Each structure stands twice: as C-alpha cells, then as structure tokens.
C-alpha cells in the first residue's frame, strides 16, 4: 500500500486488551521479518503511563491506573532493538485519566532506548511537550537529528488545526525530522496539511476507523492507500523504506 514504517501495539489474544507482554512483541516482530516485508518497525512504549486517582484517597491509584516503571515500559525495546520506538514526551489529561511521563522517567527511558541502538520517535501533544523535548535534546538524552511526531486532535492536547500544527512545527529544532497526524475525521486533512508544511505523515486504525464519512476502513492498507493518493495529488512522493531509513537516520 506504500507504508515505509509500521507502528506496533499488541493485544492479549485471550482478553483482546492492550498488553505489554514482551513475548507478544517478539512474535509480532518475528512475523513481520519472516514475511519478507521491507518495512521499518516502530514499537510503542506508551502503555504503562496512565494514572487515575482513587475515589477514597486521590493520592492512591484507582482501578484505571496502569503505571509501570521506566524499565518495564522499555523492556521489549531493550530485548528486540527495533529501528524506531515511540517516546511520549507528554503529560496531559487523557480522557478521564492522566497520561503521565515525568522528566526523570523520560530520561531513564531515553537512555535505555539509546543504549539499544533504537531511534526514539518523540511524540508530542502540545507546545509545552516540545519545550521539554528540546530540553532533553540539549541535555544529550535524545539522538540527533531528532525525530518528532506531532499528535493532533487527541483529548486534551493540541487541536487538529493548521494553526496548531504550524505553531508546533515552528518550535522544533532546525534539524528535526517530523511527521504529524490527526485523529478521527481530522486524519486526512492533517495528511494534506503536514505535506504542505514540509512534514511526513502517519495514518492507521489506531488514529481513525473510517475511510470516509460513514465508511469503515477495511484495513490499515486502505487508509495508507488513500493517504498516498493525497500525497501524490499534492505533488509529493511516498518514500520507499530505504529512503525513509535515510530520512530518519536509522
């Protein structure tokens, strides 16, 4: 369909719930490699960062809390050494919970990711996140040139608007490589906006279930194919996996 990178989350095959089980990541990566598909693997480190205060004592975690240590959140990265993994440089209200990534935890995760030889994709959800990311870059915690993902339209981060995208883009380091995405109905408008603003694009069922209004996407591939058409119609080209490796420095 044209994707150069595949971004991976895993689910428990029995419960169908999101999982952090290393064996599931290992099986998924092995299946991709065994298929012969020439794609760049990008594993998530996002799970394990939600906090919900308890009803009786807000200082204690409620049942929706998923907090794990930095080491637990990157254990599969250390073991599998993928070319890219996400690093969510963000703390924000996320639905009814808090998505929490403290600077100290981010430094520890960044060190482990770097030691594995993996390039962190720095996911940012608002302007303040970029301020923190820039500080971590200055400290030497993150590989150069930095790779950013601008995450737009997620409650309650930056909205999926041209103004928000451009404001975030303008705060990035001059040598940054960046991509952007919008969720739900903003997915394809943000594809066009990111291309026009000089960035790369991401689409997929994690962000949006619909191919167009009222039409469920039958697969990730269908979303990628539509994004590729938009890219071509704007006069740009879809990078091959080898070209993407050069762009991302992996």
Protein backbone atom coordinates (compact mmCIF):
# COMPACT_ATOMS: atom_id res chain seq x y z
CA UNK A 1 0.00 0.00 0.00
CA UNK A 2 3.01 2.28 0.39
CA UNK A 3 3.82 2.48 4.10
CA UNK A 4 7.54 2.63 4.91
CA UNK A 5 7.05 2.27 8.69
CA UNK A 6 4.75 0.05 10.75
CA UNK A 7 3.89 1.25 14.26
CA UNK A 8 3.10 -1.66 16.58
CA UNK A 9 0.92 -2.12 19.67
CA UNK A 10 -0.05 -5.62 20.81
CA UNK A 11 -3.14 -7.16 22.39
CA UNK A 12 -3.54 -10.22 24.58
CA UNK A 13 -5.06 -12.84 22.24
CA UNK A 14 -7.29 -14.14 25.04
CA UNK A 15 -8.63 -10.94 26.58
CA UNK A 16 -8.25 -8.74 23.46
CA UNK A 17 -6.96 -6.00 25.77
CA UNK A 18 -3.80 -3.93 25.24
CA UNK A 19 -0.73 -5.75 26.52
CA UNK A 20 2.88 -5.02 27.45
CA UNK A 21 3.90 -8.68 27.18
CA UNK A 22 7.35 -8.95 25.62
CA UNK A 23 6.63 -12.32 24.03
CA UNK A 24 3.77 -10.82 22.02
CA UNK A 25 6.02 -8.06 20.69
CA UNK A 26 8.70 -10.63 19.86
CA UNK A 27 6.20 -12.79 17.96
CA UNK A 28 4.86 -9.80 16.04
CA UNK A 29 8.33 -8.59 15.03
CA UNK A 30 9.36 -12.10 14.00
CA UNK A 31 6.25 -12.48 11.83
CA UNK A 32 6.99 -9.19 10.09
CA UNK A 33 10.58 -10.18 9.44
CA UNK A 34 9.61 -13.68 8.30
CA UNK A 35 7.11 -12.23 5.83
CA UNK A 36 9.93 -10.57 3.92
CA UNK A 37 8.12 -7.22 4.01
CA UNK A 38 10.61 -4.37 3.70
CA UNK A 39 9.28 -2.04 6.38
CA UNK A 40 10.77 -0.16 9.32
CA UNK A 41 9.46 -1.50 12.64
CA UNK A 42 8.38 1.12 15.20
CA UNK A 43 7.30 -0.27 18.58
CA UNK A 44 5.29 1.67 21.13
CA UNK A 45 6.42 2.46 24.67
CA UNK A 46 3.19 4.29 25.51
CA UNK A 47 1.46 1.67 27.71
CA UNK A 48 2.10 1.88 31.43
CA UNK A 49 1.67 5.65 31.77
CA UNK A 50 -1.93 6.23 32.88
CA UNK A 51 -2.90 7.43 36.36
CA UNK A 52 -6.41 7.73 37.78
CA UNK A 53 -6.79 8.88 41.39
CA UNK A 54 -8.65 6.57 43.74
CA UNK A 55 -12.11 7.65 44.89
CA UNK A 56 -11.38 7.29 48.61
CA UNK A 57 -7.80 8.55 48.55
CA UNK A 58 -6.75 10.52 45.47
CA UNK A 59 -3.09 10.01 46.40
CA UNK A 60 -3.52 6.30 45.67
CA UNK A 61 -4.11 4.83 42.20
CA UNK A 62 -7.60 3.93 41.12
CA UNK A 63 -8.50 0.83 39.07
CA UNK A 64 -7.81 2.53 35.71
CA UNK A 65 -4.20 3.23 36.64
CA UNK A 66 -1.62 1.38 34.52
CA UNK A 67 1.63 2.98 35.76
CA UNK A 68 4.79 0.93 35.26
CA UNK A 69 8.44 1.72 35.84
CA UNK A 70 10.54 3.17 33.00
CA UNK A 71 12.47 -0.11 32.80
CA UNK A 72 9.25 -2.11 32.39
CA UNK A 73 7.99 0.21 29.66
CA UNK A 74 11.11 -0.24 27.51
CA UNK A 75 11.92 -3.86 28.32
CA UNK A 76 10.76 -5.04 24.88
CA UNK A 77 12.85 -2.32 23.21
CA UNK A 78 15.99 -3.44 25.04
CA UNK A 79 15.28 -7.06 24.07
CA UNK A 80 14.25 -6.60 20.43
CA UNK A 81 16.23 -3.47 19.44
CA UNK A 82 13.81 -2.19 16.77
CA UNK A 83 14.99 0.60 14.47
CA UNK A 84 12.45 3.04 15.98
CA UNK A 85 10.26 3.22 19.07
CA UNK A 86 7.97 5.93 20.37
CA UNK A 87 8.80 8.11 23.37
CA UNK A 88 5.83 10.11 24.62
CA UNK A 89 7.29 13.37 25.90
CA UNK A 90 3.95 14.39 27.34
CA UNK A 91 1.83 14.60 30.44
CA UNK A 92 -1.81 15.52 29.81
CA UNK A 93 -5.40 14.76 30.71
CA UNK A 94 -6.24 11.75 28.54
CA UNK A 95 -9.96 11.10 28.59
CA UNK A 96 -10.78 10.71 32.29
CA UNK A 97 -7.23 9.71 33.28
CA UNK A 98 -3.84 11.40 33.27
CA UNK A 99 -1.21 10.28 30.75
CA UNK A 100 1.89 10.80 32.87
CA UNK A 101 5.53 10.90 31.80
CA UNK A 102 7.80 12.73 34.24
CA UNK A 103 11.11 14.22 33.06
CA UNK A 104 13.05 11.76 35.24
CA UNK A 105 11.20 8.78 33.76
CA UNK A 106 11.72 10.11 30.24
CA UNK A 107 15.46 10.49 30.81
CA UNK A 108 15.69 6.90 32.04
CA UNK A 109 13.68 5.58 29.10
CA UNK A 110 15.69 7.66 26.62
CA UNK A 111 18.97 6.30 27.98
CA UNK A 112 17.75 2.70 27.66
CA UNK A 113 16.40 3.31 24.15
CA UNK A 114 19.68 4.88 23.07
CA UNK A 115 21.71 2.03 24.56
CA UNK A 116 19.63 -0.41 22.50
CA UNK A 117 20.60 1.45 19.32
CA UNK A 118 16.98 2.43 18.72
CA UNK A 119 15.89 5.85 17.42
CA UNK A 120 13.19 7.43 19.60
CA UNK A 121 10.23 8.94 17.79
CA UNK A 122 9.41 11.84 20.10
CA UNK A 123 5.63 12.06 20.36
CA UNK A 124 4.38 15.50 21.42
CA UNK A 125 0.79 16.55 22.04
CA UNK A 126 1.13 20.28 22.76
CA UNK A 127 3.59 23.19 22.80
CA UNK A 128 4.84 22.55 26.32
CA UNK A 129 5.77 19.00 25.36
CA UNK A 130 8.09 20.39 22.70
CA UNK A 131 9.72 22.66 25.30
CA UNK A 132 10.53 19.60 27.41
CA UNK A 133 11.70 17.60 24.39
CA UNK A 134 14.04 20.42 23.39
CA UNK A 135 15.46 20.43 26.92
CA UNK A 136 16.10 16.67 26.75
CA UNK A 137 17.82 17.14 23.38
CA UNK A 138 20.03 19.87 24.86
CA UNK A 139 20.93 17.52 27.71
CA UNK A 140 22.04 14.88 25.19
CA UNK A 141 19.35 12.37 26.16
CA UNK A 142 17.98 12.01 22.63
CA UNK A 143 19.72 11.06 19.39
CA UNK A 144 20.42 13.66 16.72
CA UNK A 145 18.84 14.58 14.44
CA UNK A 146 15.64 14.30 16.50
CA UNK A 147 12.58 12.59 15.05
CA UNK A 148 9.27 14.15 16.14
CA UNK A 149 5.64 13.06 15.78
CA UNK A 150 3.07 15.86 16.21
CA UNK A 151 -0.06 14.26 17.68
CA UNK A 152 -3.13 16.40 16.98
CA UNK A 153 -6.78 16.28 17.99
CA UNK A 154 -6.35 13.96 20.97
CA UNK A 155 -8.40 14.99 24.02
CA UNK A 156 -6.92 17.03 25.67
CA UNK A 157 -3.90 18.09 23.67
CA UNK A 158 -3.44 20.42 20.73
CA UNK A 159 -6.37 20.57 18.28
CA UNK A 160 -6.06 19.21 14.76
CA UNK A 161 -5.93 22.60 13.05
CA UNK A 162 -3.47 24.23 10.64
CA UNK A 163 -2.70 26.86 13.27
CA UNK A 164 -1.77 24.28 15.91
CA UNK A 165 0.34 22.23 13.51
CA UNK A 166 2.30 25.26 12.33
CA UNK A 167 2.83 26.54 15.88
CA UNK A 168 4.23 23.15 16.92
CA UNK A 169 6.35 22.84 13.80
CA UNK A 170 7.88 26.25 14.43
CA UNK A 171 9.07 25.20 17.90
CA UNK A 172 11.02 22.18 16.63
CA UNK A 173 14.82 22.24 16.39
CA UNK A 174 16.06 23.33 12.97
CA UNK A 175 17.49 19.88 12.23
CA UNK A 176 14.37 17.97 13.32
CA UNK A 177 12.70 15.43 11.07
CA UNK A 178 8.98 15.50 11.78
CA UNK A 179 5.67 13.92 10.98
CA UNK A 180 2.12 14.73 12.06
CA UNK A 181 -1.24 13.04 12.34
CA UNK A 182 -4.81 13.90 13.27
CA UNK A 183 -7.32 11.52 14.76
CA UNK A 184 -10.80 10.59 13.57
CA UNK A 185 -12.20 12.90 10.87
CA UNK A 186 -9.04 15.04 11.02
CA UNK A 187 -6.79 12.22 9.83
CA UNK A 188 -6.78 13.00 6.10
CA UNK A 189 -6.92 16.82 6.41
CA UNK A 190 -3.78 16.57 8.56
CA UNK A 191 -2.13 14.36 5.92
CA UNK A 192 -2.52 17.22 3.45
CA UNK A 193 -1.54 19.88 5.98
CA UNK A 194 1.60 18.04 7.06
CA UNK A 195 2.77 17.56 3.48
CA UNK A 196 2.16 21.23 2.67
CA UNK A 197 4.03 22.29 5.82
CA UNK A 198 7.07 20.17 4.97
CA UNK A 199 6.47 17.15 7.18
CA UNK A 200 5.84 13.43 6.84
CA UNK A 201 2.55 11.63 7.56
CA UNK A 202 1.06 8.86 9.63
CA UNK A 203 -2.29 7.11 9.20
CA UNK A 204 -3.80 3.95 10.63
CA UNK A 205 -6.58 2.32 12.58
CA UNK A 206 -5.04 3.44 15.88
CA UNK A 207 -5.99 7.00 14.94
CA UNK A 208 -9.10 6.66 12.76
CA UNK A 209 -11.53 3.89 11.86
CA UNK A 210 -13.14 5.49 8.81
CA UNK A 211 -12.02 5.66 5.19
CA UNK A 212 -14.56 8.43 4.58
CA UNK A 213 -17.69 9.65 6.30
CA UNK A 214 -19.85 6.64 7.18
CA UNK A 215 -17.48 4.12 5.57
CA UNK A 216 -15.42 1.96 7.91
CA UNK A 217 -11.87 1.31 6.72
CA UNK A 218 -11.48 -2.40 5.86
CA UNK A 219 -7.79 -2.34 6.80
CA UNK A 220 -4.78 -0.20 7.61
CA UNK A 221 -3.73 -0.67 3.99
CA UNK A 222 -6.86 1.12 2.75
CA UNK A 223 -6.02 4.14 4.91
CA UNK A 224 -2.42 4.12 3.65
CA UNK A 225 -3.59 3.95 0.03
CA UNK A 226 -5.84 6.98 0.47
CA UNK A 227 -3.04 8.92 2.19
CA UNK A 228 -0.69 8.02 -0.67
CA UNK A 229 -3.20 9.39 -3.20
CA UNK A 230 -3.38 12.68 -1.28
CA UNK A 231 0.42 12.89 -1.17
CA UNK A 232 0.69 12.32 -4.93
CA UNK A 233 -2.09 14.81 -5.70
CA UNK A 234 -0.13 17.46 -3.78
CA UNK A 235 2.92 16.84 -5.95
CA UNK A 236 4.95 14.95 -3.34
CA UNK A 237 6.25 11.37 -3.38
CA UNK A 238 5.86 8.47 -0.96
CA UNK A 239 9.25 7.42 0.41
CA UNK A 240 10.43 3.86 -0.01
CA UNK A 241 11.62 2.04 3.14
CA UNK A 242 15.25 2.62 2.14
CA UNK A 243 14.59 6.30 1.52
CA UNK A 244 12.83 6.53 4.88
CA UNK A 245 15.81 4.94 6.63
CA UNK A 246 17.97 7.69 5.20
CA UNK A 247 15.50 10.40 6.19
CA UNK A 248 15.10 9.11 9.75
CA UNK A 249 18.72 8.16 10.27
CA UNK A 250 18.12 4.51 11.15
